[in-house]
Amino acid sequence: MFICPHSCILQFTSPSLLTLYTTFLLICSTKLNLFYSSTCMLGTGQAGRGMDMIIFNYVLMCLIFGTTFLAIKVGIDASTPPFFSAGIRFFIAGLVLFLWMVWKGKARFSLLLQKEMLISGLCLTFGTFAMLYWAEQHVSSGIAAVLSATGPLMMLLIQIIFLRQKVTLRSILGCIVGFIGVVLMLLSSINISTDVWWMLGMGAILIGEIGYASGALYSKRVIQNMPKASPVALNAAQMIYGGFSLSYCLYLQRMCKWVAFLIEMRLDRFFT
């Protein structure tokens, strides 16, 4: 999933350009993912052309989205604040997509006032990527990609354990085979450690994937309850909320550090 030319370019990219780069990747992957899904619904008369478009868009989506984990890692190594980088990325991407849908007449600003968009944004974008961006300070991009591939498995577990839904054997085997494939592709770049922060980073990514799985299942219900709303607009709206929440998380992080600094100063004066 990681392409050498991209890694060479990213090593000499400033944090601000890196944020714009990952934002562009997010917009492209979102559009291609939705277009890929809609292509799967073509009628039998267009089966030949539909299959070609499915393969083309799927490969292109993998190439574009596959550099995301590497871009996150390079940005963090360049001392870019993780929550700020994630927040700006998703907020700008969501805003661009949403304004484009409004301009096309396929969305209204009132959609942003729906509580479903806030809940989806907190689960899908904030919950997933707050954990991922923080964790990549302590784990490699290869480990992050492998653990992020557990998302479909988390969805299956939630459907079986909590929603009491029947899952086909084909779905289970598909998720397992896909996860094994990701592990095999990234096996050479996986670095295993016994450091406590490395383990906490792994745990954080898995918690984020639980949020992603919950948000994906919730979003599926939202789409069913809002059949007239465009899936692109719904996804853009939740990214706006998720991106804003990530940026606000950076503000809270700095406030906590400032409060901790003041408390430490008070304690020093008290004991001296």
C-alpha atoms as a PDB file:
ATOM      1  CA  MET A   1       0.000   0.000   0.000  1.00  0.00           C
ATOM      2  CA  PHE A   2       2.975   2.350   0.431  1.00  0.00           C
ATOM      3  CA  ILE A   3       4.609   3.685  -2.712  1.00  0.00           C
ATOM      4  CA  CYS A   4       8.291   4.554  -2.733  1.00  0.00           C
ATOM      5  CA  PRO A   5       7.978   7.776  -4.826  1.00  0.00           C
ATOM      6  CA  HIS A   6       5.495   9.150  -2.316  1.00  0.00           C
ATOM      7  CA  SER A   7       7.747   8.362   0.620  1.00  0.00           C
ATOM      8  CA  CYS A   8      10.661  10.129  -1.086  1.00  0.00           C
ATOM      9  CA  ILE A   9       8.537  13.223  -1.757  1.00  0.00           C
ATOM     10  CA  LEU A  10       7.085  13.325   1.748  1.00  0.00           C
ATOM     11  CA  GLN A  11      10.513  13.289   3.372  1.00  0.00           C
ATOM     12  CA  PHE A  12      11.201  16.749   1.928  1.00  0.00           C
ATOM     13  CA  THR A  13       7.723  18.202   2.450  1.00  0.00           C
ATOM     14  CA  SER A  14       6.938  20.897   5.012  1.00  0.00           C
ATOM     15  CA  PRO A  15       4.209  20.219   7.592  1.00  0.00           C
ATOM     16  CA  SER A  16       1.840  22.773   6.018  1.00  0.00           C
ATOM     17  CA  LEU A  17       2.208  21.251   2.543  1.00  0.00           C
ATOM     18  CA  LEU A  18       1.849  17.821   4.091  1.00  0.00           C
ATOM     19  CA  THR A  19      -1.487  18.818   5.605  1.00  0.00           C
ATOM     20  CA  LEU A  20      -2.693  20.063   2.212  1.00  0.00           C
ATOM     21  CA  TYR A  21      -1.459  16.840   0.621  1.00  0.00           C
ATOM     22  CA  THR A  22      -3.347  14.595   3.049  1.00  0.00           C
ATOM     23  CA  THR A  23      -6.436  16.798   2.684  1.00  0.00           C
ATOM     24  CA  PHE A  24      -6.293  16.308  -1.074  1.00  0.00           C
ATOM     25  CA  LEU A  25      -5.939  12.552  -0.558  1.00  0.00           C
ATOM     26  CA  LEU A  26      -8.970  12.553   1.731  1.00  0.00           C
ATOM     27  CA  ILE A  27     -11.151  14.397  -0.801  1.00  0.00           C
ATOM     28  CA  CYS A  28     -10.050  12.104  -3.635  1.00  0.00           C
ATOM     29  CA  SER A  29     -10.490   8.904  -1.642  1.00  0.00           C
ATOM     30  CA  THR A  30     -13.944   9.984  -0.421  1.00  0.00           C
ATOM     31  CA  LYS A  31     -15.155  10.724  -3.922  1.00  0.00           C
ATOM     32  CA  LEU A  32     -13.664   7.547  -5.352  1.00  0.00           C
ATOM     33  CA  ASN A  33     -15.009   5.400  -2.540  1.00  0.00           C
ATOM     34  CA  LEU A  34     -18.555   6.677  -3.072  1.00  0.00           C
ATOM     35  CA  PHE A  35     -18.211   6.430  -6.843  1.00  0.00           C
ATOM     36  CA  TYR A  36     -16.918   2.888  -6.487  1.00  0.00           C
ATOM     37  CA  SER A  37     -19.928   1.966  -4.354  1.00  0.00           C
ATOM     38  CA  SER A  38     -22.381   3.460  -6.834  1.00  0.00           C
ATOM     39  CA  THR A  39     -20.674   1.682  -9.711  1.00  0.00           C
ATOM     40  CA  CYS A  40     -21.387  -1.645  -8.021  1.00  0.00           C
ATOM     41  CA  MET A  41     -25.118  -0.941  -8.444  1.00  0.00           C
ATOM     42  CA  LEU A  42     -25.088  -0.770 -12.256  1.00  0.00           C
ATOM     43  CA  GLY A  43     -27.521  -2.913 -14.169  1.00  0.00           C
ATOM     44  CA  THR A  44     -26.614  -6.080 -16.010  1.00  0.00           C
ATOM     45  CA  GLY A  45     -26.640  -4.286 -19.349  1.00  0.00           C
ATOM     46  CA  GLN A  46     -23.633  -2.275 -18.249  1.00  0.00           C
ATOM     47  CA  ALA A  47     -21.887  -5.177 -16.527  1.00  0.00           C
ATOM     48  CA  GLY A  48     -18.739  -5.074 -18.686  1.00  0.00           C
ATOM     49  CA  ARG A  49     -18.154  -1.358 -18.365  1.00  0.00           C
ATOM     50  CA  GLY A  50     -19.223  -1.462 -14.707  1.00  0.00           C
ATOM     51  CA  MET A  51     -16.655  -4.126 -13.824  1.00  0.00           C
ATOM     52  CA  ASP A  52     -13.885  -2.144 -15.536  1.00  0.00           C
ATOM     53  CA  MET A  53     -14.850   0.968 -13.582  1.00  0.00           C
ATOM     54  CA  ILE A  54     -14.996  -1.016 -10.340  1.00  0.00           C
ATOM     55  CA  ILE A  55     -11.472  -2.363 -10.810  1.00  0.00           C
ATOM     56  CA  PHE A  56     -10.078   0.994 -11.970  1.00  0.00           C
ATOM     57  CA  ASN A  57     -11.615   3.037  -9.139  1.00  0.00           C
ATOM     58  CA  TYR A  58     -10.769   0.445  -6.507  1.00  0.00           C
ATOM     59  CA  VAL A  59      -7.088   0.356  -7.513  1.00  0.00           C
ATOM     60  CA  LEU A  60      -6.936   4.150  -7.743  1.00  0.00           C
ATOM     61  CA  MET A  61      -8.579   4.526  -4.334  1.00  0.00           C
ATOM     62  CA  CYS A  62      -6.054   2.122  -2.781  1.00  0.00           C
ATOM     63  CA  LEU A  63      -3.129   4.011  -4.331  1.00  0.00           C
ATOM     64  CA  ILE A  64      -4.402   7.378  -3.096  1.00  0.00           C
ATOM     65  CA  PHE A  65      -5.608   6.326   0.340  1.00  0.00           C
ATOM     66  CA  GLY A  66      -2.692   3.961   0.904  1.00  0.00           C
ATOM     67  CA  THR A  67      -0.233   6.826   1.476  1.00  0.00           C
ATOM     68  CA  THR A  68      -2.340   8.316   4.276  1.00  0.00           C
ATOM     69  CA  PHE A  69      -0.654   6.412   7.113  1.00  0.00           C
ATOM     70  CA  LEU A  70       2.779   7.284   5.792  1.00  0.00           C
ATOM     71  CA  ALA A  71       1.804  10.948   5.435  1.00  0.00           C
ATOM     72  CA  ILE A  72       0.525  11.002   9.024  1.00  0.00           C
ATOM     73  CA  LYS A  73       3.763   9.487  10.304  1.00  0.00           C
ATOM     74  CA  VAL A  74       5.960  11.918   8.349  1.00  0.00           C
ATOM     75  CA  GLY A  75       3.883  14.858   9.551  1.00  0.00           C
ATOM     76  CA  ILE A  76       4.230  13.775  13.177  1.00  0.00           C
ATOM     77  CA  ASP A  77       7.969  13.232  12.749  1.00  0.00           C
ATOM     78  CA  ALA A  78       8.134  16.803  11.398  1.00  0.00           C
ATOM     79  CA  SER A  79       6.753  17.999  14.783  1.00  0.00           C
ATOM     80  CA  THR A  80       3.294  18.849  13.423  1.00  0.00           C
ATOM     81  CA  PRO A  81       0.742  18.802  16.293  1.00  0.00           C
ATOM     82  CA  PRO A  82      -1.207  15.580  15.621  1.00  0.00           C
ATOM     83  CA  PHE A  83      -4.665  16.846  16.567  1.00  0.00           C
ATOM     84  CA  PHE A  84      -4.194  20.099  14.665  1.00  0.00           C
ATOM     85  CA  SER A  85      -2.994  18.285  11.541  1.00  0.00           C
ATOM     86  CA  ALA A  86      -5.925  15.863  11.670  1.00  0.00           C
ATOM     87  CA  GLY A  87      -8.467  18.578  12.457  1.00  0.00           C
ATOM     88  CA  ILE A  88      -7.400  20.887   9.636  1.00  0.00           C
ATOM     89  CA  ARG A  89      -7.272  17.997   7.195  1.00  0.00           C
ATOM     90  CA  PHE A  90     -10.807  16.782   7.824  1.00  0.00           C
ATOM     91  CA  PHE A  91     -12.378  20.206   8.352  1.00  0.00           C
ATOM     92  CA  ILE A  92     -11.048  21.597   5.065  1.00  0.00           C
ATOM     93  CA  ALA A  93     -11.861  18.420   3.128  1.00  0.00           C
ATOM     94  CA  GLY A  94     -15.391  18.293   4.570  1.00  0.00           C
ATOM     95  CA  LEU A  95     -15.968  21.999   3.964  1.00  0.00           C
ATOM     96  CA  VAL A  96     -14.802  21.811   0.335  1.00  0.00           C
ATOM     97  CA  LEU A  97     -16.972  18.781  -0.393  1.00  0.00           C
ATOM     98  CA  PHE A  98     -20.013  20.237   1.374  1.00  0.00           C
ATOM     99  CA  LEU A  99     -19.790  23.618  -0.372  1.00  0.00           C
ATOM    100  CA  TRP A 100     -19.399  21.817  -3.688  1.00  0.00           C
ATOM    101  CA  MET A 101     -22.558  19.781  -2.999  1.00  0.00           C
ATOM    102  CA  VAL A 102     -24.450  22.958  -2.013  1.00  0.00           C
ATOM    103  CA  TRP A 103     -23.295  24.632  -5.227  1.00  0.00           C
ATOM    104  CA  LYS A 104     -24.495  21.595  -7.197  1.00  0.00           C
ATOM    105  CA  GLY A 105     -27.879  21.866  -5.463  1.00  0.00           C
ATOM    106  CA  LYS A 106     -27.575  18.443  -3.794  1.00  0.00           C
ATOM    107  CA  ALA A 107     -27.293  19.660  -0.183  1.00  0.00           C
ATOM    108  CA  ARG A 108     -28.578  22.391   2.108  1.00  0.00           C
ATOM    109  CA  PHE A 109     -26.870  24.117   4.999  1.00  0.00           C
ATOM    110  CA  SER A 110     -29.670  22.900   7.275  1.00  0.00           C
ATOM    111  CA  LEU A 111     -28.072  19.453   7.054  1.00  0.00           C
ATOM    112  CA  LEU A 112     -25.335  20.711   9.374  1.00  0.00           C
ATOM    113  CA  LEU A 113     -27.944  21.248  12.089  1.00  0.00           C
ATOM    114  CA  GLN A 114     -28.865  17.564  12.241  1.00  0.00           C
ATOM    115  CA  LYS A 115     -27.649  15.830  15.406  1.00  0.00           C
ATOM    116  CA  GLU A 116     -26.902  12.714  13.337  1.00  0.00           C
ATOM    117  CA  MET A 117     -24.056  14.572  11.631  1.00  0.00           C
ATOM    118  CA  LEU A 118     -22.473  15.415  14.987  1.00  0.00           C
ATOM    119  CA  ILE A 119     -22.751  11.839  16.267  1.00  0.00           C
ATOM    120  CA  SER A 120     -21.346  10.428  13.005  1.00  0.00           C
ATOM    121  CA  GLY A 121     -18.487  12.922  13.074  1.00  0.00           C
ATOM    122  CA  LEU A 122     -17.589  12.075  16.667  1.00  0.00           C
ATOM    123  CA  CYS A 123     -17.525   8.333  15.933  1.00  0.00           C
ATOM    124  CA  LEU A 124     -16.194   8.124  12.388  1.00  0.00           C
ATOM    125  CA  THR A 125     -13.740  11.020  12.216  1.00  0.00           C
ATOM    126  CA  PHE A 126     -12.933  12.202  15.720  1.00  0.00           C
ATOM    127  CA  GLY A 127     -12.902   8.863  17.513  1.00  0.00           C
ATOM    128  CA  THR A 128     -10.950   7.082  14.803  1.00  0.00           C
ATOM    129  CA  PHE A 129      -8.353   9.658  13.837  1.00  0.00           C
ATOM    130  CA  ALA A 130      -7.765  11.245  17.221  1.00  0.00           C
ATOM    131  CA  MET A 131      -6.547   7.837  18.358  1.00  0.00           C
ATOM    132  CA  LEU A 132      -4.673   7.154  15.122  1.00  0.00           C
ATOM    133  CA  TYR A 133      -2.815  10.484  14.983  1.00  0.00           C
ATOM    134  CA  TRP A 134      -1.874  10.262  18.652  1.00  0.00           C
ATOM    135  CA  ALA A 135      -0.784   6.628  18.335  1.00  0.00           C
ATOM    136  CA  GLU A 136       1.509   7.260  15.371  1.00  0.00           C
ATOM    137  CA  GLN A 137       3.758   9.221  17.707  1.00  0.00           C
ATOM    138  CA  HIS A 138       4.683   5.856  19.215  1.00  0.00           C
ATOM    139  CA  VAL A 139       4.096   3.198  16.524  1.00  0.00           C
ATOM    140  CA  SER A 140       5.254   2.813  12.934  1.00  0.00           C
ATOM    141  CA  SER A 141       3.020   3.527   9.961  1.00  0.00           C
ATOM    142  CA  GLY A 142       3.087  -0.187   9.097  1.00  0.00           C
ATOM    143  CA  ILE A 143       1.672  -1.168  12.492  1.00  0.00           C
ATOM    144  CA  ALA A 144      -0.920   1.617  12.205  1.00  0.00           C
ATOM    145  CA  ALA A 145      -2.049   0.370   8.800  1.00  0.00           C
ATOM    146  CA  VAL A 146      -2.360  -3.237   9.984  1.00  0.00           C
ATOM    147  CA  LEU A 147      -4.350  -2.317  13.095  1.00  0.00           C
ATOM    148  CA  SER A 148      -6.557   0.027  11.061  1.00  0.00           C
ATOM    149  CA  ALA A 149      -7.391  -2.923   8.834  1.00  0.00           C
ATOM    150  CA  THR A 150      -9.244  -4.457  11.783  1.00  0.00           C
ATOM    151  CA  GLY A 151     -12.131  -2.042  11.178  1.00  0.00           C
ATOM    152  CA  PRO A 152     -14.273  -4.532   9.202  1.00  0.00           C
ATOM    153  CA  LEU A 153     -13.605  -7.201  11.837  1.00  0.00           C
ATOM    154  CA  MET A 154     -14.773  -4.787  14.541  1.00  0.00           C
ATOM    155  CA  MET A 155     -17.957  -4.175  12.559  1.00  0.00           C
ATOM    156  CA  LEU A 156     -18.627  -7.905  12.383  1.00  0.00           C
ATOM    157  CA  LEU A 157     -18.081  -8.313  16.127  1.00  0.00           C
ATOM    158  CA  ILE A 158     -20.438  -5.430  16.932  1.00  0.00           C
ATOM    159  CA  GLN A 159     -23.080  -6.870  14.621  1.00  0.00           C
ATOM    160  CA  ILE A 160     -22.787 -10.318  16.188  1.00  0.00           C
ATOM    161  CA  ILE A 161     -22.355  -9.431  19.889  1.00  0.00           C
ATOM    162  CA  PHE A 162     -24.367  -6.238  20.352  1.00  0.00           C
ATOM    163  CA  LEU A 163     -26.801  -6.016  17.430  1.00  0.00           C
ATOM    164  CA  ARG A 164     -27.506  -9.768  17.408  1.00  0.00           C
ATOM    165  CA  GLN A 165     -27.397  -9.804  13.615  1.00  0.00           C
ATOM    166  CA  LYS A 166     -26.629 -12.832  11.510  1.00  0.00           C
ATOM    167  CA  VAL A 167     -23.383 -12.590   9.562  1.00  0.00           C
ATOM    168  CA  THR A 168     -22.625 -14.845   6.621  1.00  0.00           C
ATOM    169  CA  LEU A 169     -19.569 -17.064   6.573  1.00  0.00           C
ATOM    170  CA  ARG A 170     -18.552 -15.363   3.330  1.00  0.00           C
ATOM    171  CA  SER A 171     -18.353 -11.988   5.097  1.00  0.00           C
ATOM    172  CA  ILE A 172     -16.252 -13.416   7.919  1.00  0.00           C
ATOM    173  CA  LEU A 173     -13.836 -15.132   5.531  1.00  0.00           C
ATOM    174  CA  GLY A 174     -13.607 -11.981   3.407  1.00  0.00           C
ATOM    175  CA  CYS A 175     -12.582  -9.858   6.406  1.00  0.00           C
ATOM    176  CA  ILE A 176     -10.050 -12.424   7.594  1.00  0.00           C
ATOM    177  CA  VAL A 177      -8.486 -12.824   4.150  1.00  0.00           C
ATOM    178  CA  GLY A 178      -8.338  -9.048   3.694  1.00  0.00           C
ATOM    179  CA  PHE A 179      -6.667  -8.570   7.071  1.00  0.00           C
ATOM    180  CA  ILE A 180      -4.113 -11.293   6.344  1.00  0.00           C
ATOM    181  CA  GLY A 181      -3.398  -9.635   3.000  1.00  0.00           C
ATOM    182  CA  VAL A 182      -2.642  -6.301   4.671  1.00  0.00           C
ATOM    183  CA  VAL A 183      -0.324  -8.031   7.163  1.00  0.00           C
ATOM    184  CA  LEU A 184       1.566  -9.813   4.378  1.00  0.00           C
ATOM    185  CA  MET A 185       1.979  -6.618   2.341  1.00  0.00           C
ATOM    186  CA  LEU A 186       3.349  -4.653   5.298  1.00  0.00           C
ATOM    187  CA  LEU A 187       5.232  -7.452   7.028  1.00  0.00           C
ATOM    188  CA  SER A 188       8.638  -6.034   6.150  1.00  0.00           C
ATOM    189  CA  SER A 189       7.800  -2.590   7.587  1.00  0.00           C
ATOM    190  CA  ILE A 190       6.343  -3.825  10.895  1.00  0.00           C
ATOM    191  CA  ASN A 191       8.538  -3.075  13.887  1.00  0.00           C
ATOM    192  CA  ILE A 192       7.623  -4.847  17.133  1.00  0.00           C
ATOM    193  CA  SER A 193       8.585  -3.353  20.488  1.00  0.00           C
ATOM    194  CA  THR A 194       7.892  -3.989  24.174  1.00  0.00           C
ATOM    195  CA  ASP A 195       7.844  -0.301  25.087  1.00  0.00           C
ATOM    196  CA  VAL A 196       4.832   0.773  27.170  1.00  0.00           C
ATOM    197  CA  TRP A 197       4.006   3.700  24.882  1.00  0.00           C
ATOM    198  CA  TRP A 198       4.170   1.383  21.866  1.00  0.00           C
ATOM    199  CA  MET A 199       1.583  -0.886  23.495  1.00  0.00           C
ATOM    200  CA  LEU A 200      -0.591   2.080  24.446  1.00  0.00           C
ATOM    201  CA  GLY A 201      -0.402   3.295  20.858  1.00  0.00           C
ATOM    202  CA  MET A 202      -1.589  -0.061  19.575  1.00  0.00           C
ATOM    203  CA  GLY A 203      -4.439  -0.075  22.070  1.00  0.00           C
ATOM    204  CA  ALA A 204      -5.439   3.451  21.077  1.00  0.00           C
ATOM    205  CA  ILE A 205      -5.695   2.484  17.391  1.00  0.00           C
ATOM    206  CA  LEU A 206      -7.863  -0.517  18.244  1.00  0.00           C
ATOM    207  CA  ILE A 207     -10.151   1.690  20.349  1.00  0.00           C
ATOM    208  CA  GLY A 208     -10.344   4.090  17.417  1.00  0.00           C
ATOM    209  CA  GLU A 209     -11.346   1.230  15.125  1.00  0.00           C
ATOM    210  CA  ILE A 210     -14.179   0.362  17.496  1.00  0.00           C
ATOM    211  CA  GLY A 211     -15.338   3.967  17.121  1.00  0.00           C
ATOM    212  CA  TYR A 212     -14.999   3.673  13.350  1.00  0.00           C
ATOM    213  CA  ALA A 213     -17.032   0.456  13.260  1.00  0.00           C
ATOM    214  CA  SER A 214     -19.741   1.945  15.473  1.00  0.00           C
ATOM    215  CA  GLY A 215     -19.851   5.111  13.381  1.00  0.00           C
ATOM    216  CA  ALA A 216     -20.017   3.167  10.122  1.00  0.00           C
ATOM    217  CA  LEU A 217     -22.975   1.104  11.332  1.00  0.00           C
ATOM    218  CA  TYR A 218     -24.682   4.222  12.681  1.00  0.00           C
ATOM    219  CA  SER A 219     -24.071   6.090   9.407  1.00  0.00           C
ATOM    220  CA  LYS A 220     -25.660   3.234   7.499  1.00  0.00           C
ATOM    221  CA  ARG A 221     -28.834   3.769   9.529  1.00  0.00           C
ATOM    222  CA  VAL A 222     -28.607   7.549   8.968  1.00  0.00           C
ATOM    223  CA  ILE A 223     -28.416   7.060   5.197  1.00  0.00           C
ATOM    224  CA  GLN A 224     -31.480   4.820   5.346  1.00  0.00           C
ATOM    225  CA  ASN A 225     -33.384   7.425   7.381  1.00  0.00           C
ATOM    226  CA  MET A 226     -32.342  10.236   5.014  1.00  0.00           C
ATOM    227  CA  PRO A 227     -32.863   8.717   1.551  1.00  0.00           C
ATOM    228  CA  LYS A 228     -33.076  12.123  -0.147  1.00  0.00           C
ATOM    229  CA  ALA A 229     -29.741  13.320   1.227  1.00  0.00           C
ATOM    230  CA  SER A 230     -26.608  12.757  -0.852  1.00  0.00           C
ATOM    231  CA  PRO A 231     -24.097  10.316   0.716  1.00  0.00           C
ATOM    232  CA  VAL A 232     -21.323  12.728  -0.289  1.00  0.00           C
ATOM    233  CA  ALA A 233     -23.020  15.581   1.583  1.00  0.00           C
ATOM    234  CA  LEU A 234     -23.619  13.393   4.632  1.00  0.00           C
ATOM    235  CA  ASN A 235     -19.976  12.335   4.694  1.00  0.00           C
ATOM    236  CA  ALA A 236     -18.803  15.919   4.213  1.00  0.00           C
ATOM    237  CA  ALA A 237     -20.985  17.154   7.081  1.00  0.00           C
ATOM    238  CA  GLN A 238     -19.666  14.552   9.507  1.00  0.00           C
ATOM    239  CA  MET A 239     -16.083  15.386   8.479  1.00  0.00           C
ATOM    240  CA  ILE A 240     -16.708  19.056   9.305  1.00  0.00           C
ATOM    241  CA  TYR A 241     -17.867  18.147  12.815  1.00  0.00           C
ATOM    242  CA  GLY A 242     -15.085  15.592  13.246  1.00  0.00           C
ATOM    243  CA  GLY A 243     -12.398  17.999  12.049  1.00  0.00           C
ATOM    244  CA  PHE A 244     -13.651  20.768  14.338  1.00  0.00           C
ATOM    245  CA  SER A 245     -13.695  18.358  17.284  1.00  0.00           C
ATOM    246  CA  LEU A 246     -10.103  17.315  16.567  1.00  0.00           C
ATOM    247  CA  SER A 247      -8.956  20.943  16.459  1.00  0.00           C
ATOM    248  CA  TYR A 248     -10.818  21.665  19.715  1.00  0.00           C
ATOM    249  CA  CYS A 249      -9.106  18.635  21.228  1.00  0.00           C
ATOM    250  CA  LEU A 250      -5.765  20.353  20.542  1.00  0.00           C
ATOM    251  CA  TYR A 251      -7.052  23.423  22.401  1.00  0.00           C
ATOM    252  CA  LEU A 252      -8.070  21.268  25.369  1.00  0.00           C
ATOM    253  CA  GLN A 253      -4.683  19.517  25.303  1.00  0.00           C
ATOM    254  CA  ARG A 254      -2.869  22.851  25.504  1.00  0.00           C
ATOM    255  CA  MET A 255      -5.198  24.054  28.262  1.00  0.00           C
ATOM    256  CA  CYS A 256      -4.457  20.910  30.283  1.00  0.00           C
ATOM    257  CA  LYS A 257      -0.704  21.449  29.848  1.00  0.00           C
ATOM    258  CA  TRP A 258      -1.075  25.074  30.941  1.00  0.00           C
ATOM    259  CA  VAL A 259      -3.117  24.097  34.010  1.00  0.00           C
ATOM    260  CA  ALA A 260      -0.591  21.378  34.868  1.00  0.00           C
ATOM    261  CA  PHE A 261       2.217  23.944  34.552  1.00  0.00           C
ATOM    262  CA  LEU A 262       0.444  26.381  36.895  1.00  0.00           C
ATOM    263  CA  ILE A 263      -0.226  23.626  39.439  1.00  0.00           C
ATOM    264  CA  GLU A 264       3.425  22.579  39.301  1.00  0.00           C
ATOM    265  CA  MET A 265       4.539  26.178  39.899  1.00  0.00           C
ATOM    266  CA  ARG A 266       2.168  26.507  42.867  1.00  0.00           C
ATOM    267  CA  LEU A 267       3.455  23.270  44.381  1.00  0.00           C
ATOM    268  CA  ASP A 268       7.070  24.396  43.937  1.00  0.00           C
ATOM    269  CA  ARG A 269       6.325  27.662  45.754  1.00  0.00           C
ATOM    270  CA  PHE A 270       4.436  25.806  48.487  1.00  0.00           C
ATOM    271  CA  PHE A 271       7.258  23.372  49.223  1.00  0.00           C
ATOM    272  CA  THR A 272      10.013  26.003  48.878  1.00  0.00           C
END
